[in-house]
Amino acid sequence: MTMRKESELCGAVRRAVADYLRLLDGEKPGAIYDMVLQSVEKPLLEVILDHTEGNQTRAAEILGMNRNTLRKKLQQYGLIEGI
């Protein structure tokens, strides 16, 4: 990934989290870390699977993770059925 694209992605996350905190309007935030990871992880997996036309081996390579880890995450988000 080029530095510019990486910077754009970081900027998008920063803006989204800042907007979320602003929308809380004084309410105390909680468990933001897990919420952000889950909010980003599922669409990331969906886009990569679409990009690889469902090829989990290629998707795992692109994501830089083990295929078994990918399958576990896909099951976690209901993107594939359990074994």
PDB file of N, CA and C in Angstrom:
ATOM      1  N   MET A   1       0.855  -1.169   0.000  1.00  0.00           N
ATOM      2  CA  MET A   1       0.000   0.000   0.000  1.00  0.00           C
ATOM      3  C   MET A   1       0.899   1.229   0.000  1.00  0.00           C
ATOM      4  N   THR A   2       0.554   2.162  -0.818  1.00  0.00           N
ATOM      5  CA  THR A   2       1.350   3.386  -0.845  1.00  0.00           C
ATOM      6  C   THR A   2       1.093   4.180   0.423  1.00  0.00           C
ATOM      7  N   MET A   3       2.054   5.019   0.756  1.00  0.00           N
ATOM      8  CA  MET A   3       1.918   5.842   1.967  1.00  0.00           C
ATOM      9  C   MET A   3       0.683   6.743   1.882  1.00  0.00           C
ATOM     10  N   ARG A   4       0.383   7.233   0.689  1.00  0.00           N
ATOM     11  CA  ARG A   4      -0.781   8.116   0.541  1.00  0.00           C
ATOM     12  C   ARG A   4      -2.073   7.366   0.842  1.00  0.00           C
ATOM     13  N   LYS A   5      -2.210   6.166   0.285  1.00  0.00           N
ATOM     14  CA  LYS A   5      -3.432   5.401   0.519  1.00  0.00           C
ATOM     15  C   LYS A   5      -3.536   4.986   1.977  1.00  0.00           C
ATOM     16  N   GLU A   6      -2.402   4.606   2.572  1.00  0.00           N
ATOM     17  CA  GLU A   6      -2.399   4.239   3.986  1.00  0.00           C
ATOM     18  C   GLU A   6      -2.805   5.440   4.831  1.00  0.00           C
ATOM     19  N   SER A   7      -2.312   6.603   4.480  1.00  0.00           N
ATOM     20  CA  SER A   7      -2.644   7.821   5.198  1.00  0.00           C
ATOM     21  C   SER A   7      -4.133   8.145   5.053  1.00  0.00           C
ATOM     22  N   GLU A   8      -4.695   7.923   3.860  1.00  0.00           N
ATOM     23  CA  GLU A   8      -6.130   8.166   3.650  1.00  0.00           C
ATOM     24  C   GLU A   8      -6.965   7.233   4.511  1.00  0.00           C
ATOM     25  N   LEU A   9      -6.556   5.991   4.620  1.00  0.00           N
ATOM     26  CA  LEU A   9      -7.276   5.021   5.450  1.00  0.00           C
ATOM     27  C   LEU A   9      -7.200   5.418   6.926  1.00  0.00           C
ATOM     28  N   CYS A  10      -6.013   5.803   7.376  1.00  0.00           N
ATOM     29  CA  CYS A  10      -5.855   6.256   8.764  1.00  0.00           C
ATOM     30  C   CYS A  10      -6.712   7.485   9.033  1.00  0.00           C
ATOM     31  N   GLY A  11      -6.730   8.394   8.084  1.00  0.00           N
ATOM     32  CA  GLY A  11      -7.533   9.607   8.235  1.00  0.00           C
ATOM     33  C   GLY A  11      -9.019   9.293   8.324  1.00  0.00           C
ATOM     34  N   ALA A  12      -9.466   8.338   7.528  1.00  0.00           N
ATOM     35  CA  ALA A  12     -10.883   7.950   7.560  1.00  0.00           C
ATOM     36  C   ALA A  12     -11.247   7.362   8.920  1.00  0.00           C
ATOM     37  N   VAL A  13     -10.363   6.560   9.474  1.00  0.00           N
ATOM     38  CA  VAL A  13     -10.620   5.974  10.800  1.00  0.00           C
ATOM     39  C   VAL A  13     -10.636   7.072  11.856  1.00  0.00           C
ATOM     40  N   ARG A  14      -9.660   7.968  11.793  1.00  0.00           N
ATOM     41  CA  ARG A  14      -9.620   9.080  12.759  1.00  0.00           C
ATOM     42  C   ARG A  14     -10.912   9.901  12.727  1.00  0.00           C
ATOM     43  N   ARG A  15     -11.348  10.248  11.518  1.00  0.00           N
ATOM     44  CA  ARG A  15     -12.575  11.045  11.384  1.00  0.00           C
ATOM     45  C   ARG A  15     -13.791  10.288  11.917  1.00  0.00           C
ATOM     46  N   ALA A  16     -13.876   8.997  11.597  1.00  0.00           N
ATOM     47  CA  ALA A  16     -15.032   8.211  12.039  1.00  0.00           C
ATOM     48  C   ALA A  16     -15.080   8.100  13.564  1.00  0.00           C
ATOM     49  N   VAL A  17     -13.942   7.861  14.189  1.00  0.00           N
ATOM     50  CA  VAL A  17     -13.910   7.738  15.654  1.00  0.00           C
ATOM     51  C   VAL A  17     -14.203   9.099  16.293  1.00  0.00           C
ATOM     52  N   ALA A  18     -13.625  10.155  15.750  1.00  0.00           N
ATOM     53  CA  ALA A  18     -13.884  11.498  16.289  1.00  0.00           C
ATOM     54  C   ALA A  18     -15.367  11.848  16.157  1.00  0.00           C
ATOM     55  N   ASP A  19     -15.965  11.524  15.015  1.00  0.00           N
ATOM     56  CA  ASP A  19     -17.401  11.775  14.820  1.00  0.00           C
ATOM     57  C   ASP A  19     -18.226  10.972  15.818  1.00  0.00           C
ATOM     58  N   TYR A  20     -17.856   9.716  16.026  1.00  0.00           N
ATOM     59  CA  TYR A  20     -18.575   8.869  16.980  1.00  0.00           C
ATOM     60  C   TYR A  20     -18.533   9.487  18.381  1.00  0.00           C
ATOM     61  N   LEU A  21     -17.348   9.918  18.796  1.00  0.00           N
ATOM     62  CA  LEU A  21     -17.214  10.512  20.129  1.00  0.00           C
ATOM     63  C   LEU A  21     -18.016  11.801  20.239  1.00  0.00           C
ATOM     64  N   ARG A  22     -18.028  12.586  19.168  1.00  0.00           N
ATOM     65  CA  ARG A  22     -18.801  13.826  19.156  1.00  0.00           C
ATOM     66  C   ARG A  22     -20.301  13.527  19.283  1.00  0.00           C
ATOM     67  N   LEU A  23     -20.760  12.474  18.615  1.00  0.00           N
ATOM     68  CA  LEU A  23     -22.179  12.117  18.652  1.00  0.00           C
ATOM     69  C   LEU A  23     -22.622  11.606  20.023  1.00  0.00           C
ATOM     70  N   LEU A  24     -21.673  11.173  20.830  1.00  0.00           N
ATOM     71  CA  LEU A  24     -22.031  10.709  22.176  1.00  0.00           C
ATOM     72  C   LEU A  24     -22.562  11.848  23.037  1.00  0.00           C
ATOM     73  N   ASP A  25     -22.207  13.062  22.663  1.00  0.00           N
ATOM     74  CA  ASP A  25     -22.735  14.260  23.332  1.00  0.00           C
ATOM     75  C   ASP A  25     -22.611  14.174  24.852  1.00  0.00           C
ATOM     76  N   GLY A  26     -21.405  13.852  25.313  1.00  0.00           N
ATOM     77  CA  GLY A  26     -21.152  13.823  26.753  1.00  0.00           C
ATOM     78  C   GLY A  26     -21.345  12.479  27.408  1.00  0.00           C
ATOM     79  N   GLU A  27     -22.006  11.542  26.742  1.00  0.00           N
ATOM     80  CA  GLU A  27     -22.150  10.209  27.326  1.00  0.00           C
ATOM     81  C   GLU A  27     -20.787   9.535  27.383  1.00  0.00           C
ATOM     82  N   LYS A  28     -20.588   8.705  28.399  1.00  0.00           N
ATOM     83  CA  LYS A  28     -19.308   8.034  28.576  1.00  0.00           C
ATOM     84  C   LYS A  28     -19.172   6.894  27.561  1.00  0.00           C
ATOM     85  N   PRO A  29     -18.095   6.926  26.744  1.00  0.00           N
ATOM     86  CA  PRO A  29     -17.886   5.824  25.790  1.00  0.00           C
ATOM     87  C   PRO A  29     -17.389   4.582  26.521  1.00  0.00           C
ATOM     88  N   GLY A  30     -17.642   3.427  25.932  1.00  0.00           N
ATOM     89  CA  GLY A  30     -17.155   2.183  26.508  1.00  0.00           C
ATOM     90  C   GLY A  30     -16.871   1.161  25.434  1.00  0.00           C
ATOM     91  N   ALA A  31     -15.837   0.389  25.630  1.00  0.00           N
ATOM     92  CA  ALA A  31     -15.445  -0.717  24.735  1.00  0.00           C
ATOM     93  C   ALA A  31     -15.284  -0.250  23.283  1.00  0.00           C
ATOM     94  N   ILE A  32     -14.726   0.924  23.100  1.00  0.00           N
ATOM     95  CA  ILE A  32     -14.555   1.460  21.749  1.00  0.00           C
ATOM     96  C   ILE A  32     -13.592   0.610  20.928  1.00  0.00           C
ATOM     97  N   TYR A  33     -12.548   0.122  21.555  1.00  0.00           N
ATOM     98  CA  TYR A  33     -11.549  -0.661  20.822  1.00  0.00           C
ATOM     99  C   TYR A  33     -12.200  -1.847  20.115  1.00  0.00           C
ATOM    100  N   ASP A  34     -12.944  -2.650  20.857  1.00  0.00           N
ATOM    101  CA  ASP A  34     -13.614  -3.815  20.260  1.00  0.00           C
ATOM    102  C   ASP A  34     -14.651  -3.390  19.223  1.00  0.00           C
ATOM    103  N   MET A  35     -15.389  -2.318  19.513  1.00  0.00           N
ATOM    104  CA  MET A  35     -16.407  -1.844  18.579  1.00  0.00           C
ATOM    105  C   MET A  35     -15.775  -1.439  17.245  1.00  0.00           C
ATOM    106  N   VAL A  36     -14.668  -0.712  17.309  1.00  0.00           N
ATOM    107  CA  VAL A  36     -14.006  -0.265  16.081  1.00  0.00           C
ATOM    108  C   VAL A  36     -13.456  -1.461  15.314  1.00  0.00           C
ATOM    109  N   LEU A  37     -12.805  -2.372  16.005  1.00  0.00           N
ATOM    110  CA  LEU A  37     -12.252  -3.548  15.314  1.00  0.00           C
ATOM    111  C   LEU A  37     -13.351  -4.339  14.613  1.00  0.00           C
ATOM    112  N   GLN A  38     -14.454  -4.574  15.300  1.00  0.00           N
ATOM    113  CA  GLN A  38     -15.542  -5.331  14.687  1.00  0.00           C
ATOM    114  C   GLN A  38     -16.187  -4.553  13.545  1.00  0.00           C
ATOM    115  N   SER A  39     -16.281  -3.240  13.691  1.00  0.00           N
ATOM    116  CA  SER A  39     -16.878  -2.410  12.641  1.00  0.00           C
ATOM    117  C   SER A  39     -16.028  -2.390  11.384  1.00  0.00           C
ATOM    118  N   VAL A  40     -14.730  -2.529  11.542  1.00  0.00           N
ATOM    119  CA  VAL A  40     -13.809  -2.496  10.408  1.00  0.00           C
ATOM    120  C   VAL A  40     -13.564  -3.899   9.850  1.00  0.00           C
ATOM    121  N   GLU A  41     -13.477  -4.881  10.731  1.00  0.00           N
ATOM    122  CA  GLU A  41     -13.078  -6.224  10.313  1.00  0.00           C
ATOM    123  C   GLU A  41     -14.074  -6.899   9.372  1.00  0.00           C
ATOM    124  N   LYS A  42     -15.352  -6.851   9.685  1.00  0.00           N
ATOM    125  CA  LYS A  42     -16.328  -7.539   8.841  1.00  0.00           C
ATOM    126  C   LYS A  42     -16.359  -6.973   7.424  1.00  0.00           C
ATOM    127  N   PRO A  43     -16.490  -5.639   7.246  1.00  0.00           N
ATOM    128  CA  PRO A  43     -16.477  -5.131   5.871  1.00  0.00           C
ATOM    129  C   PRO A  43     -15.147  -5.379   5.163  1.00  0.00           C
ATOM    130  N   LEU A  44     -14.042  -5.362   5.911  1.00  0.00           N
ATOM    131  CA  LEU A  44     -12.742  -5.674   5.313  1.00  0.00           C
ATOM    132  C   LEU A  44     -12.751  -7.088   4.747  1.00  0.00           C
ATOM    133  N   LEU A  45     -13.226  -8.029   5.534  1.00  0.00           N
ATOM    134  CA  LEU A  45     -13.291  -9.423   5.072  1.00  0.00           C
ATOM    135  C   LEU A  45     -14.217  -9.558   3.866  1.00  0.00           C
ATOM    136  N   GLU A  46     -15.352  -8.867   3.905  1.00  0.00           N
ATOM    137  CA  GLU A  46     -16.297  -8.930   2.787  1.00  0.00           C
ATOM    138  C   GLU A  46     -15.673  -8.400   1.501  1.00  0.00           C
ATOM    139  N   VAL A  47     -14.991  -7.273   1.585  1.00  0.00           N
ATOM    140  CA  VAL A  47     -14.385  -6.672   0.396  1.00  0.00           C
ATOM    141  C   VAL A  47     -13.279  -7.569  -0.154  1.00  0.00           C
ATOM    142  N   ILE A  48     -12.446  -8.096   0.718  1.00  0.00           N
ATOM    143  CA  ILE A  48     -11.346  -8.952   0.260  1.00  0.00           C
ATOM    144  C   ILE A  48     -11.889 -10.239  -0.344  1.00  0.00           C
ATOM    145  N   LEU A  49     -12.903 -10.832   0.262  1.00  0.00           N
ATOM    146  CA  LEU A  49     -13.506 -12.046  -0.314  1.00  0.00           C
ATOM    147  C   LEU A  49     -14.110 -11.765  -1.681  1.00  0.00           C
ATOM    148  N   ASP A  50     -14.753 -10.620  -1.809  1.00  0.00           N
ATOM    149  CA  ASP A  50     -15.310 -10.236  -3.105  1.00  0.00           C
ATOM    150  C   ASP A  50     -14.184 -10.050  -4.127  1.00  0.00           C
ATOM    151  N   HIS A  51     -13.121  -9.396  -3.699  1.00  0.00           N
ATOM    152  CA  HIS A  51     -11.967  -9.150  -4.577  1.00  0.00           C
ATOM    153  C   HIS A  51     -11.339 -10.465  -5.061  1.00  0.00           C
ATOM    154  N   THR A  52     -11.319 -11.472  -4.191  1.00  0.00           N
ATOM    155  CA  THR A  52     -10.707 -12.766  -4.547  1.00  0.00           C
ATOM    156  C   THR A  52     -11.742 -13.763  -5.080  1.00  0.00           C
ATOM    157  N   GLU A  53     -12.959 -13.271  -5.314  1.00  0.00           N
ATOM    158  CA  GLU A  53     -14.057 -14.112  -5.805  1.00  0.00           C
ATOM    159  C   GLU A  53     -14.264 -15.343  -4.912  1.00  0.00           C
ATOM    160  N   GLY A  54     -14.147 -15.116  -3.595  1.00  0.00           N
ATOM    161  CA  GLY A  54     -14.401 -16.172  -2.623  1.00  0.00           C
ATOM    162  C   GLY A  54     -13.236 -17.103  -2.363  1.00  0.00           C
ATOM    163  N   ASN A  55     -12.105 -16.872  -2.988  1.00  0.00           N
ATOM    164  CA  ASN A  55     -10.938 -17.738  -2.797  1.00  0.00           C
ATOM    165  C   ASN A  55     -10.297 -17.401  -1.452  1.00  0.00           C
ATOM    166  N   GLN A  56     -10.521 -18.275  -0.466  1.00  0.00           N
ATOM    167  CA  GLN A  56     -10.057 -18.014   0.891  1.00  0.00           C
ATOM    168  C   GLN A  56      -8.537 -18.058   1.011  1.00  0.00           C
ATOM    169  N   THR A  57      -7.889 -18.888   0.233  1.00  0.00           N
ATOM    170  CA  THR A  57      -6.430 -18.960   0.277  1.00  0.00           C
ATOM    171  C   THR A  57      -5.832 -17.632  -0.178  1.00  0.00           C
ATOM    172  N   ARG A  58      -6.321 -17.112  -1.293  1.00  0.00           N
ATOM    173  CA  ARG A  58      -5.838 -15.807  -1.785  1.00  0.00           C
ATOM    174  C   ARG A  58      -6.209 -14.693  -0.818  1.00  0.00           C
ATOM    175  N   ALA A  59      -7.410 -14.756  -0.260  1.00  0.00           N
ATOM    176  CA  ALA A  59      -7.845 -13.734   0.700  1.00  0.00           C
ATOM    177  C   ALA A  59      -6.917 -13.722   1.916  1.00  0.00           C
ATOM    178  N   ALA A  60      -6.587 -14.896   2.424  1.00  0.00           N
ATOM    179  CA  ALA A  60      -5.696 -14.986   3.584  1.00  0.00           C
ATOM    180  C   ALA A  60      -4.321 -14.411   3.254  1.00  0.00           C
ATOM    181  N   GLU A  61      -3.832 -14.688   2.050  1.00  0.00           N
ATOM    182  CA  GLU A  61      -2.531 -14.142   1.637  1.00  0.00           C
ATOM    183  C   GLU A  61      -2.573 -12.613   1.589  1.00  0.00           C
ATOM    184  N   ILE A  62      -3.633 -12.061   0.998  1.00  0.00           N
ATOM    185  CA  ILE A  62      -3.765 -10.607   0.900  1.00  0.00           C
ATOM    186  C   ILE A  62      -3.838  -9.983   2.288  1.00  0.00           C
ATOM    187  N   LEU A  63      -4.561 -10.637   3.186  1.00  0.00           N
ATOM    188  CA  LEU A  63      -4.730 -10.116   4.538  1.00  0.00           C
ATOM    189  C   LEU A  63      -3.509 -10.354   5.420  1.00  0.00           C
ATOM    190  N   GLY A  64      -2.620 -11.247   4.972  1.00  0.00           N
ATOM    191  CA  GLY A  64      -1.423 -11.548   5.762  1.00  0.00           C
ATOM    192  C   GLY A  64      -1.732 -12.388   6.982  1.00  0.00           C
ATOM    193  N   MET A  65      -2.673 -13.316   6.819  1.00  0.00           N
ATOM    194  CA  MET A  65      -3.030 -14.189   7.937  1.00  0.00           C
ATOM    195  C   MET A  65      -3.126 -15.631   7.466  1.00  0.00           C
ATOM    196  N   ASN A  66      -3.124 -16.517   8.424  1.00  0.00           N
ATOM    197  CA  ASN A  66      -3.279 -17.944   8.168  1.00  0.00           C
ATOM    198  C   ASN A  66      -4.697 -18.215   7.669  1.00  0.00           C
ATOM    199  N   ARG A  67      -4.847 -19.149   6.747  1.00  0.00           N
ATOM    200  CA  ARG A  67      -6.169 -19.460   6.197  1.00  0.00           C
ATOM    201  C   ARG A  67      -7.133 -19.941   7.290  1.00  0.00           C
ATOM    202  N   ASN A  68      -6.640 -20.706   8.248  1.00  0.00           N
ATOM    203  CA  ASN A  68      -7.508 -21.171   9.338  1.00  0.00           C
ATOM    204  C   ASN A  68      -8.001 -20.003  10.190  1.00  0.00           C
ATOM    205  N   THR A  69      -7.139 -19.020  10.403  1.00  0.00           N
ATOM    206  CA  THR A  69      -7.547 -17.819  11.145  1.00  0.00           C
ATOM    207  C   THR A  69      -8.629 -17.082  10.360  1.00  0.00           C
ATOM    208  N   LEU A  70      -8.432 -16.970   9.064  1.00  0.00           N
ATOM    209  CA  LEU A  70      -9.434 -16.326   8.216  1.00  0.00           C
ATOM    210  C   LEU A  70     -10.762 -17.059   8.316  1.00  0.00           C
ATOM    211  N   ARG A  71     -10.744 -18.380   8.220  1.00  0.00           N
ATOM    212  CA  ARG A  71     -11.991 -19.152   8.295  1.00  0.00           C
ATOM    213  C   ARG A  71     -12.699 -18.932   9.631  1.00  0.00           C
ATOM    214  N   LYS A  72     -11.927 -18.870  10.703  1.00  0.00           N
ATOM    215  CA  LYS A  72     -12.524 -18.646  12.022  1.00  0.00           C
ATOM    216  C   LYS A  72     -13.204 -17.276  12.066  1.00  0.00           C
ATOM    217  N   LYS A  73     -12.554 -16.265  11.497  1.00  0.00           N
ATOM    218  CA  LYS A  73     -13.139 -14.924  11.473  1.00  0.00           C
ATOM    219  C   LYS A  73     -14.378 -14.869  10.568  1.00  0.00           C
ATOM    220  N   LEU A  74     -14.324 -15.567   9.444  1.00  0.00           N
ATOM    221  CA  LEU A  74     -15.483 -15.609   8.550  1.00  0.00           C
ATOM    222  C   LEU A  74     -16.684 -16.256   9.249  1.00  0.00           C
ATOM    223  N   GLN A  75     -16.425 -17.310  10.003  1.00  0.00           N
ATOM    224  CA  GLN A  75     -17.490 -17.957  10.779  1.00  0.00           C
ATOM    225  C   GLN A  75     -18.016 -17.020  11.860  1.00  0.00           C
ATOM    226  N   GLN A  76     -17.102 -16.333  12.532  1.00  0.00           N
ATOM    227  CA  GLN A  76     -17.472 -15.408  13.612  1.00  0.00           C
ATOM    228  C   GLN A  76     -18.465 -14.342  13.115  1.00  0.00           C
ATOM    229  N   TYR A  77     -18.247 -13.866  11.900  1.00  0.00           N
ATOM    230  CA  TYR A  77     -19.114 -12.815  11.345  1.00  0.00           C
ATOM    231  C   TYR A  77     -20.240 -13.356  10.489  1.00  0.00           C
ATOM    232  N   GLY A  78     -20.413 -14.673  10.461  1.00  0.00           N
ATOM    233  CA  GLY A  78     -21.509 -15.273   9.708  1.00  0.00           C
ATOM    234  C   GLY A  78     -21.326 -15.174   8.207  1.00  0.00           C
ATOM    235  N   LEU A  79     -20.083 -15.064   7.758  1.00  0.00           N
ATOM    236  CA  LEU A  79     -19.817 -14.973   6.313  1.00  0.00           C
ATOM    237  C   LEU A  79     -19.664 -16.333   5.671  1.00  0.00           C
ATOM    238  N   ILE A  80     -19.443 -17.355   6.476  1.00  0.00           N
ATOM    239  CA  ILE A  80     -19.476 -18.749   6.022  1.00  0.00           C
ATOM    240  C   ILE A  80     -20.087 -19.563   7.149  1.00  0.00           C
ATOM    241  N   GLU A  81     -20.590 -20.738   6.793  1.00  0.00           N
ATOM    242  CA  GLU A  81     -21.150 -21.617   7.803  1.00  0.00           C
ATOM    243  C   GLU A  81     -20.049 -22.386   8.499  1.00  0.00           C
ATOM    244  N   GLY A  82     -20.276 -22.729   9.767  1.00  0.00           N
ATOM    245  CA  GLY A  82     -19.318 -23.517  10.523  1.00  0.00           C
ATOM    246  C   GLY A  82     -19.167 -24.908   9.958  1.00  0.00           C
ATOM    247  N   ILE A  83     -18.066 -25.510  10.319  1.00  0.00           N
ATOM    248  CA  ILE A  83     -17.769 -26.870   9.807  1.00  0.00           C
ATOM    249  C   ILE A  83     -18.457 -27.895  10.672  1.00  0.00           C
TER     250      ILE A  83
END
